[in-house]
PDB file of N, CA and C in Angstrom:
ATOM      1  N   UNK A   1      81.812 107.708  81.046  1.00  0.00           N
ATOM      2  CA  UNK A   1      82.052 108.605  82.169  1.00  0.00           C
ATOM      3  C   UNK A   1      83.001 107.917  83.149  1.00  0.00           C
ATOM      4  N   UNK A   2      83.970 108.631  83.601  1.00  0.00           N
ATOM      5  CA  UNK A   2      84.976 108.093  84.512  1.00  0.00           C
ATOM      6  C   UNK A   2      84.498 108.230  85.953  1.00  0.00           C
ATOM      7  N   UNK A   3      84.705 107.175  86.706  1.00  0.00           N
ATOM      8  CA  UNK A   3      84.328 107.192  88.116  1.00  0.00           C
ATOM      9  C   UNK A   3      85.394 107.912  88.941  1.00  0.00           C
ATOM     10  N   UNK A   4      84.959 108.633  89.953  1.00  0.00           N
ATOM     11  CA  UNK A   4      85.886 109.339  90.834  1.00  0.00           C
ATOM     12  C   UNK A   4      86.430 108.418  91.918  1.00  0.00           C
ATOM     13  N   UNK A   5      85.905 107.198  91.992  1.00  0.00           N
ATOM     14  CA  UNK A   5      86.314 106.263  93.029  1.00  0.00           C
ATOM     15  C   UNK A   5      86.836 104.983  92.360  1.00  0.00           C
ATOM     16  N   UNK A   6      87.890 104.416  92.923  1.00  0.00           N
ATOM     17  CA  UNK A   6      88.488 103.198  92.383  1.00  0.00           C
ATOM     18  C   UNK A   6      87.639 101.980  92.736  1.00  0.00           C
ATOM     19  N   UNK A   7      87.727 100.966  91.894  1.00  0.00           N
ATOM     20  CA  UNK A   7      86.972  99.726  92.074  1.00  0.00           C
ATOM     21  C   UNK A   7      87.190  99.137  93.468  1.00  0.00           C
ATOM     22  N   UNK A   8      88.426  99.067  93.911  1.00  0.00           N
ATOM     23  CA  UNK A   8      88.727  98.478  95.225  1.00  0.00           C
ATOM     24  C   UNK A   8      88.152  99.307  96.375  1.00  0.00           C
ATOM     25  N   UNK A   9      88.098 100.610  96.199  1.00  0.00           N
ATOM     26  CA  UNK A   9      87.481 101.459  97.220  1.00  0.00           C
ATOM     27  C   UNK A   9      85.976 101.180  97.306  1.00  0.00           C
ATOM     28  N   UNK A  10      85.344 100.995  96.150  1.00  0.00           N
ATOM     29  CA  UNK A  10      83.924 100.654  96.127  1.00  0.00           C
ATOM     30  C   UNK A  10      83.685  99.336  96.856  1.00  0.00           C
ATOM     31  N   UNK A  11      84.525  98.347  96.570  1.00  0.00           N
ATOM     32  CA  UNK A  11      84.399  97.034  97.205  1.00  0.00           C
ATOM     33  C   UNK A  11      84.530  97.172  98.721  1.00  0.00           C
ATOM     34  N   UNK A  12      85.510  97.942  99.164  1.00  0.00           N
ATOM     35  CA  UNK A  12      85.724  98.126 100.605  1.00  0.00           C
ATOM     36  C   UNK A  12      84.509  98.774 101.274  1.00  0.00           C
ATOM     37  N   UNK A  13      83.957  99.803 100.654  1.00  0.00           N
ATOM     38  CA  UNK A  13      82.773 100.466 101.207  1.00  0.00           C
ATOM     39  C   UNK A  13      81.582  99.515 101.258  1.00  0.00           C
ATOM     40  N   UNK A  14      81.394  98.742 100.196  1.00  0.00           N
ATOM     41  CA  UNK A  14      80.272  97.801 100.152  1.00  0.00           C
ATOM     42  C   UNK A  14      80.454  96.668 101.159  1.00  0.00           C
ATOM     43  N   UNK A  15      81.690  96.232 101.386  1.00  0.00           N
ATOM     44  CA  UNK A  15      81.958  95.216 102.410  1.00  0.00           C
ATOM     45  C   UNK A  15      81.601  95.748 103.792  1.00  0.00           C
ATOM     46  N   UNK A  16      81.974  96.987 104.069  1.00  0.00           N
ATOM     47  CA  UNK A  16      81.640  97.600 105.359  1.00  0.00           C
ATOM     48  C   UNK A  16      80.134  97.700 105.531  1.00  0.00           C
ATOM     49  N   UNK A  17      79.440  98.099 104.471  1.00  0.00           N
ATOM     50  CA  UNK A  17      77.986  98.204 104.530  1.00  0.00           C
ATOM     51  C   UNK A  17      77.362  96.822 104.733  1.00  0.00           C
ATOM     52  N   UNK A  18      77.872  95.818 104.053  1.00  0.00           N
ATOM     53  CA  UNK A  18      77.358  94.458 104.194  1.00  0.00           C
ATOM     54  C   UNK A  18      77.490  93.968 105.635  1.00  0.00           C
ATOM     55  N   UNK A  19      78.626  94.246 106.252  1.00  0.00           N
ATOM     56  CA  UNK A  19      78.838  93.844 107.653  1.00  0.00           C
ATOM     57  C   UNK A  19      77.870  94.558 108.588  1.00  0.00           C
ATOM     58  N   UNK A  20      77.634  95.819 108.331  1.00  0.00           N
ATOM     59  CA  UNK A  20      76.706  96.592 109.172  1.00  0.00           C
ATOM     60  C   UNK A  20      75.271  96.105 108.970  1.00  0.00           C
ATOM     61  N   UNK A  21      74.909  95.801 107.741  1.00  0.00           N
ATOM     62  CA  UNK A  21      73.577  95.257 107.483  1.00  0.00           C
ATOM     63  C   UNK A  21      73.404  93.922 108.196  1.00  0.00           C
ATOM     64  N   UNK A  22      74.428  93.079 108.157  1.00  0.00           N
ATOM     65  CA  UNK A  22      74.369  91.775 108.830  1.00  0.00           C
ATOM     66  C   UNK A  22      74.167  91.967 110.331  1.00  0.00           C
ATOM     67  N   UNK A  23      74.829  92.973 110.890  1.00  0.00           N
ATOM     68  CA  UNK A  23      74.672  93.276 112.319  1.00  0.00           C
ATOM     69  C   UNK A  23      73.225  93.634 112.646  1.00  0.00           C
ATOM     70  N   UNK A  24      72.523  94.214 111.664  1.00  0.00           N
ATOM     71  CA  UNK A  24      71.126  94.600 111.835  1.00  0.00           C
ATOM     72  C   UNK A  24      70.151  93.497 111.405  1.00  0.00           C
ATOM     73  N   UNK A  25      70.697  92.345 111.018  1.00  0.00           N
ATOM     74  CA  UNK A  25      69.857  91.218 110.630  1.00  0.00           C
ATOM     75  C   UNK A  25      69.405  91.224 109.179  1.00  0.00           C
ATOM     76  N   UNK A  26      70.093  91.983 108.336  1.00  0.00           N
ATOM     77  CA  UNK A  26      69.748  92.063 106.916  1.00  0.00           C
ATOM     78  C   UNK A  26      70.809  91.309 106.115  1.00  0.00           C
ATOM     79  N   UNK A  27      70.372  90.336 105.324  1.00  0.00           N
ATOM     80  CA  UNK A  27      71.289  89.540 104.513  1.00  0.00           C
ATOM     81  C   UNK A  27      71.631  90.262 103.217  1.00  0.00           C
ATOM     82  N   UNK A  28      72.898  90.105 102.781  1.00  0.00           N
ATOM     83  CA  UNK A  28      73.317  90.693 101.516  1.00  0.00           C
ATOM     84  C   UNK A  28      74.435  89.851 100.908  1.00  0.00           C
ATOM     85  N   UNK A  29      74.668  90.080  99.638  1.00  0.00           N
ATOM     86  CA  UNK A  29      75.694  89.352  98.897  1.00  0.00           C
ATOM     87  C   UNK A  29      76.467  90.355  98.052  1.00  0.00           C
ATOM     88  N   UNK A  30      77.769  90.437  98.267  1.00  0.00           N
ATOM     89  CA  UNK A  30      78.609  91.367  97.523  1.00  0.00           C
ATOM     90  C   UNK A  30      78.845  90.831  96.112  1.00  0.00           C
ATOM     91  N   UNK A  31      78.552  91.636  95.126  1.00  0.00           N
ATOM     92  CA  UNK A  31      78.801  91.299  93.722  1.00  0.00           C
ATOM     93  C   UNK A  31      80.009  92.117  93.268  1.00  0.00           C
ATOM     94  N   UNK A  32      81.180  91.519  93.373  1.00  0.00           N
ATOM     95  CA  UNK A  32      82.432  92.226  93.075  1.00  0.00           C
ATOM     96  C   UNK A  32      82.522  92.700  91.629  1.00  0.00           C
ATOM     97  N   UNK A  33      81.955  91.954  90.708  1.00  0.00           N
ATOM     98  CA  UNK A  33      82.079  92.310  89.297  1.00  0.00           C
ATOM     99  C   UNK A  33      81.316  93.578  88.931  1.00  0.00           C
ATOM    100  N   UNK A  34      80.256  93.924  89.678  1.00  0.00           N
ATOM    101  CA  UNK A  34      79.470  95.117  89.324  1.00  0.00           C
ATOM    102  C   UNK A  34      80.217  96.407  89.635  1.00  0.00           C
ATOM    103  N   UNK A  35      80.724  96.763  90.740  1.00  0.00           N
ATOM    104  CA  UNK A  35      80.473  96.206  92.059  1.00  0.00           C
ATOM    105  C   UNK A  35      79.146  96.719  92.628  1.00  0.00           C
ATOM    106  N   UNK A  36      78.522  95.862  93.400  1.00  0.00           N
ATOM    107  CA  UNK A  36      77.263  96.204  94.035  1.00  0.00           C
ATOM    108  C   UNK A  36      76.939  95.224  95.137  1.00  0.00           C
ATOM    109  N   UNK A  37      75.976  95.570  95.933  1.00  0.00           N
ATOM    110  CA  UNK A  37      75.543  94.742  97.045  1.00  0.00           C
ATOM    111  C   UNK A  37      74.100  94.331  96.785  1.00  0.00           C
ATOM    112  N   UNK A  38      73.849  93.027  96.707  1.00  0.00           N
ATOM    113  CA  UNK A  38      72.496  92.508  96.508  1.00  0.00           C
ATOM    114  C   UNK A  38      71.920  92.200  97.880  1.00  0.00           C
ATOM    115  N   UNK A  39      70.925  92.973  98.287  1.00  0.00           N
ATOM    116  CA  UNK A  39      70.322  92.843  99.608  1.00  0.00           C
ATOM    117  C   UNK A  39      69.044  92.014  99.487  1.00  0.00           C
ATOM    118  N   UNK A  40      68.908  91.026 100.354  1.00  0.00           N
ATOM    119  CA  UNK A  40      67.744  90.157 100.357  1.00  0.00           C
ATOM    120  C   UNK A  40      66.497  90.933 100.757  1.00  0.00           C
ATOM    121  N   UNK A  41      65.419  90.738  99.975  1.00  0.00           N
ATOM    122  CA  UNK A  41      64.138  91.394 100.263  1.00  0.00           C
ATOM    123  C   UNK A  41      63.103  90.330 100.611  1.00  0.00           C
ATOM    124  N   UNK A  42      61.893  90.781 100.896  1.00  0.00           N
ATOM    125  CA  UNK A  42      60.790  89.862 101.194  1.00  0.00           C
ATOM    126  C   UNK A  42      60.289  89.126  99.950  1.00  0.00           C
ATOM    127  N   UNK A  43      60.674  89.606  98.769  1.00  0.00           N
ATOM    128  CA  UNK A  43      60.249  88.980  97.519  1.00  0.00           C
ATOM    129  C   UNK A  43      61.350  88.009  97.081  1.00  0.00           C
ATOM    130  N   UNK A  44      61.078  86.699  97.104  1.00  0.00           N
ATOM    131  CA  UNK A  44      62.098  85.717  96.731  1.00  0.00           C
ATOM    132  C   UNK A  44      62.668  85.971  95.339  1.00  0.00           C
ATOM    133  N   UNK A  45      63.987  85.988  95.256  1.00  0.00           N
ATOM    134  CA  UNK A  45      64.660  86.161  93.974  1.00  0.00           C
ATOM    135  C   UNK A  45      64.730  87.584  93.469  1.00  0.00           C
ATOM    136  N   UNK A  46      64.252  88.546  94.259  1.00  0.00           N
ATOM    137  CA  UNK A  46      64.277  89.954  93.848  1.00  0.00           C
ATOM    138  C   UNK A  46      65.055  90.765  94.886  1.00  0.00           C
ATOM    139  N   UNK A  47      66.371  90.905  94.679  1.00  0.00           N
ATOM    140  CA  UNK A  47      67.163  91.672  95.638  1.00  0.00           C
ATOM    141  C   UNK A  47      67.049  93.179  95.406  1.00  0.00           C
ATOM    142  N   UNK A  48      67.440  93.919  96.417  1.00  0.00           N
ATOM    143  CA  UNK A  48      67.599  95.364  96.309  1.00  0.00           C
ATOM    144  C   UNK A  48      69.087  95.593  96.081  1.00  0.00           C
ATOM    145  N   UNK A  49      69.435  96.248  94.993  1.00  0.00           N
ATOM    146  CA  UNK A  49      70.849  96.494  94.708  1.00  0.00           C
ATOM    147  C   UNK A  49      71.288  97.839  95.268  1.00  0.00           C
ATOM    148  N   UNK A  50      72.437  97.803  95.930  1.00  0.00           N
ATOM    149  CA  UNK A  50      73.053  99.004  96.493  1.00  0.00           C
ATOM    150  C   UNK A  50      74.366  99.221  95.755  1.00  0.00           C
ATOM    151  N   UNK A  51      74.604 100.446  95.334  1.00  0.00           N
ATOM    152  CA  UNK A  51      75.838 100.791  94.643  1.00  0.00           C
ATOM    153  C   UNK A  51      76.480 101.987  95.320  1.00  0.00           C
ATOM    154  N   UNK A  52      77.745 102.232  94.995  1.00  0.00           N
ATOM    155  CA  UNK A  52      78.425 103.458  95.401  1.00  0.00           C
ATOM    156  C   UNK A  52      78.302 104.402  94.211  1.00  0.00           C
ATOM    157  N   UNK A  53      77.905 105.640  94.475  1.00  0.00           N
ATOM    158  CA  UNK A  53      77.725 106.619  93.399  1.00  0.00           C
ATOM    159  C   UNK A  53      79.036 106.857  92.651  1.00  0.00           C
ATOM    160  N   UNK A  54      78.922 107.345  91.425  1.00  0.00           N
ATOM    161  CA  UNK A  54      80.108 107.617  90.619  1.00  0.00           C
ATOM    162  C   UNK A  54      81.071 108.574  91.306  1.00  0.00           C
ATOM    163  N   UNK A  55      80.544 109.489  92.084  1.00  0.00           N
ATOM    164  CA  UNK A  55      81.395 110.433  92.807  1.00  0.00           C
ATOM    165  C   UNK A  55      82.116 109.770  93.972  1.00  0.00           C
ATOM    166  N   UNK A  56      81.577 108.626  94.429  1.00  0.00           N
ATOM    167  CA  UNK A  56      82.147 107.943  95.587  1.00  0.00           C
ATOM    168  C   UNK A  56      81.653 108.503  96.903  1.00  0.00           C
ATOM    169  N   UNK A  57      80.685 109.412  96.853  1.00  0.00           N
ATOM    170  CA  UNK A  57      80.208 110.073  98.066  1.00  0.00           C
ATOM    171  C   UNK A  57      78.973 109.440  98.703  1.00  0.00           C
ATOM    172  N   UNK A  58      78.250 108.617  97.953  1.00  0.00           N
ATOM    173  CA  UNK A  58      76.976 108.088  98.438  1.00  0.00           C
ATOM    174  C   UNK A  58      76.811 106.602  98.140  1.00  0.00           C
ATOM    175  N   UNK A  59      76.023 105.938  98.997  1.00  0.00           N
ATOM    176  CA  UNK A  59      75.451 104.642  98.668  1.00  0.00           C
ATOM    177  C   UNK A  59      74.126 104.976  97.986  1.00  0.00           C
ATOM    178  N   UNK A  60      73.881 104.370  96.834  1.00  0.00           N
ATOM    179  CA  UNK A  60      72.640 104.603  96.088  1.00  0.00           C
ATOM    180  C   UNK A  60      71.832 103.321  96.007  1.00  0.00           C
ATOM    181  N   UNK A  61      70.517 103.449  96.072  1.00  0.00           N
ATOM    182  CA  UNK A  61      69.628 102.315  95.829  1.00  0.00           C
ATOM    183  C   UNK A  61      68.333 102.835  95.222  1.00  0.00           C
ATOM    184  N   UNK A  62      67.565 101.902  94.719  1.00  0.00           N
ATOM    185  CA  UNK A  62      66.319 102.223  94.008  1.00  0.00           C
ATOM    186  C   UNK A  62      66.592 103.193  92.862  1.00  0.00           C
ATOM    187  N   UNK A  63      67.523 102.748  91.975  1.00  0.00           N
ATOM    188  CA  UNK A  63      67.916 103.536  90.801  1.00  0.00           C
ATOM    189  C   UNK A  63      68.383 104.945  91.179  1.00  0.00           C
ATOM    190  N   UNK A  64      69.120 105.046  92.256  1.00  0.00           N
ATOM    191  CA  UNK A  64      69.681 106.303  92.773  1.00  0.00           C
ATOM    192  C   UNK A  64      68.615 107.272  93.265  1.00  0.00           C
ATOM    193  N   UNK A  65      67.380 106.782  93.431  1.00  0.00           N
ATOM    194  CA  UNK A  65      66.317 107.595  94.021  1.00  0.00           C
ATOM    195  C   UNK A  65      66.595 107.796  95.505  1.00  0.00           C
ATOM    196  N   UNK A  66      67.208 106.797  96.107  1.00  0.00           N
ATOM    197  CA  UNK A  66      67.558 106.849  97.527  1.00  0.00           C
ATOM    198  C   UNK A  66      69.079 106.880  97.625  1.00  0.00           C
ATOM    199  N   UNK A  67      69.580 107.648  98.572  1.00  0.00           N
ATOM    200  CA  UNK A  67      71.033 107.701  98.762  1.00  0.00           C
ATOM    201  C   UNK A  67      71.361 108.112 100.190  1.00  0.00           C
ATOM    202  N   UNK A  68      72.583 107.743 100.592  1.00  0.00           N
ATOM    203  CA  UNK A  68      73.065 108.081 101.933  1.00  0.00           C
ATOM    204  C   UNK A  68      74.580 108.213 101.860  1.00  0.00           C
ATOM    205  N   UNK A  69      75.166 109.182 102.571  1.00  0.00           N
ATOM    206  CA  UNK A  69      76.618 109.392 102.518  1.00  0.00           C
ATOM    207  C   UNK A  69      77.407 108.152 102.956  1.00  0.00           C
ATOM    208  N   UNK A  70      78.478 107.843 102.211  1.00  0.00           N
ATOM    209  CA  UNK A  70      79.310 106.683 102.534  1.00  0.00           C
ATOM    210  C   UNK A  70      80.066 106.868 103.843  1.00  0.00           C
ATOM    211  N   UNK A  71      80.201 108.092 104.300  1.00  0.00           N
ATOM    212  CA  UNK A  71      80.880 108.358 105.565  1.00  0.00           C
ATOM    213  C   UNK A  71      80.075 107.945 106.784  1.00  0.00           C
ATOM    214  N   UNK A  72      78.830 107.564 106.577  1.00  0.00           N
ATOM    215  CA  UNK A  72      77.944 107.132 107.664  1.00  0.00           C
ATOM    216  C   UNK A  72      77.381 105.752 107.330  1.00  0.00           C
ATOM    217  N   UNK A  73      78.233 104.734 107.421  1.00  0.00           N
ATOM    218  CA  UNK A  73      77.839 103.366 107.062  1.00  0.00           C
ATOM    219  C   UNK A  73      76.714 102.867 107.955  1.00  0.00           C
ATOM    220  N   UNK A  74      76.794 103.154 109.253  1.00  0.00           N
ATOM    221  CA  UNK A  74      75.749 102.714 110.183  1.00  0.00           C
ATOM    222  C   UNK A  74      74.408 103.342 109.818  1.00  0.00           C
ATOM    223  N   UNK A  75      74.407 104.632 109.550  1.00  0.00           N
ATOM    224  CA  UNK A  75      73.178 105.314 109.158  1.00  0.00           C
ATOM    225  C   UNK A  75      72.624 104.783 107.846  1.00  0.00           C
ATOM    226  N   UNK A  76      73.511 104.485 106.899  1.00  0.00           N
ATOM    227  CA  UNK A  76      73.073 103.923 105.616  1.00  0.00           C
ATOM    228  C   UNK A  76      72.410 102.570 105.835  1.00  0.00           C
ATOM    229  N   UNK A  77      73.014 101.726 106.651  1.00  0.00           N
ATOM    230  CA  UNK A  77      72.443 100.396 106.925  1.00  0.00           C
ATOM    231  C   UNK A  77      71.075 100.526 107.573  1.00  0.00           C
ATOM    232  N   UNK A  78      70.933 101.457 108.503  1.00  0.00           N
ATOM    233  CA  UNK A  78      69.640 101.656 109.162  1.00  0.00           C
ATOM    234  C   UNK A  78      68.586 102.159 108.180  1.00  0.00           C
ATOM    235  N   UNK A  79      68.979 103.054 107.272  1.00  0.00           N
ATOM    236  CA  UNK A  79      68.024 103.552 106.266  1.00  0.00           C
ATOM    237  C   UNK A  79      67.611 102.450 105.313  1.00  0.00           C
ATOM    238  N   UNK A  80      68.564 101.617 104.918  1.00  0.00           N
ATOM    239  CA  UNK A  80      68.250 100.517 104.010  1.00  0.00           C
ATOM    240  C   UNK A  80      67.316  99.527 104.694  1.00  0.00           C
ATOM    241  N   UNK A  81      67.609  99.198 105.943  1.00  0.00           N
ATOM    242  CA  UNK A  81      66.714  98.301 106.691  1.00  0.00           C
ATOM    243  C   UNK A  81      65.316  98.923 106.786  1.00  0.00           C
ATOM    244  N   UNK A  82      65.243 100.205 107.075  1.00  0.00           N
ATOM    245  CA  UNK A  82      63.960 100.903 107.134  1.00  0.00           C
ATOM    246  C   UNK A  82      63.248 100.890 105.800  1.00  0.00           C
ATOM    247  N   UNK A  83      63.989 101.086 104.733  1.00  0.00           N
ATOM    248  CA  UNK A  83      63.401 101.047 103.393  1.00  0.00           C
ATOM    249  C   UNK A  83      62.815  99.670 103.106  1.00  0.00           C
ATOM    250  N   UNK A  84      63.539  98.630 103.478  1.00  0.00           N
ATOM    251  CA  UNK A  84      63.064  97.265 103.251  1.00  0.00           C
ATOM    252  C   UNK A  84      61.791  96.967 104.022  1.00  0.00           C
ATOM    253  N   UNK A  85      61.676  97.583 105.193  1.00  0.00           N
ATOM    254  CA  UNK A  85      60.497  97.363 106.033  1.00  0.00           C
ATOM    255  C   UNK A  85      59.473  98.484 105.899  1.00  0.00           C
ATOM    256  N   UNK A  86      59.690  99.352 104.922  1.00  0.00           N
ATOM    257  CA  UNK A  86      58.777 100.458 104.617  1.00  0.00           C
ATOM    258  C   UNK A  86      58.591 101.416 105.792  1.00  0.00           C
ATOM    259  N   UNK A  87      59.645 101.531 106.619  1.00  0.00           N
ATOM    260  CA  UNK A  87      59.606 102.459 107.748  1.00  0.00           C
ATOM    261  C   UNK A  87      59.939 103.879 107.301  1.00  0.00           C
ATOM    262  N   UNK A  88      60.434 103.998 106.073  1.00  0.00           N
ATOM    263  CA  UNK A  88      60.900 105.280 105.600  1.00  0.00           C
ATOM    264  C   UNK A  88      60.246 105.604 104.268  1.00  0.00           C
ATOM    265  N   UNK A  89      59.801 106.832 104.064  1.00  0.00           N
ATOM    266  CA  UNK A  89      59.229 107.204 102.771  1.00  0.00           C
ATOM    267  C   UNK A  89      60.259 107.074 101.663  1.00  0.00           C
ATOM    268  N   UNK A  90      59.827 106.725 100.487  1.00  0.00           N
ATOM    269  CA  UNK A  90      60.717 106.549  99.343  1.00  0.00           C
ATOM    270  C   UNK A  90      60.987 107.901  98.686  1.00  0.00           C
ATOM    271  N   UNK A  91      61.816 108.695  99.324  1.00  0.00           N
ATOM    272  CA  UNK A  91      62.179 109.977  98.732  1.00  0.00           C
ATOM    273  C   UNK A  91      63.669 110.184  98.894  1.00  0.00           C
ATOM    274  N   UNK A  92      64.223 111.003  98.045  1.00  0.00           N
ATOM    275  CA  UNK A  92      65.653 111.255  98.043  1.00  0.00           C
ATOM    276  C   UNK A  92      66.054 112.103  99.239  1.00  0.00           C
ATOM    277  N   UNK A  93      67.209 111.768  99.808  1.00  0.00           N
ATOM    278  CA  UNK A  93      67.701 112.549 100.957  1.00  0.00           C
ATOM    279  C   UNK A  93      68.494 113.737 100.498  1.00  0.00           C
TER     280      UNK A  93
END
C-alpha cells in the first residue's frame, strides 16, 4: 500500500510532536528509519510508539486505536501525555 505522505513529511511532523512533548515534560526519541516516535513510559524499556497514519492526517498510537489530527500538534501532545498518565480513556477519537 502506498503512503499518501512522504517520508520527510512524516519526519517533520514527528519532530514537531517530539518538541511539543518535550515542552510538556515527556521524553521521546525519533526513529527515522521507521519513521516513528518512541515515547518514554513508566515501564522501563517499553516505549509507546507514535506514527503518522498512511493518509498523513493523524498521529496514531496504541496500534492506531488512538489518533489525533496532525494539524493540532499541541493537542496531540497533550492527549499522549494524558494517555501515558491514564487521564484519558483508551478509545478512538
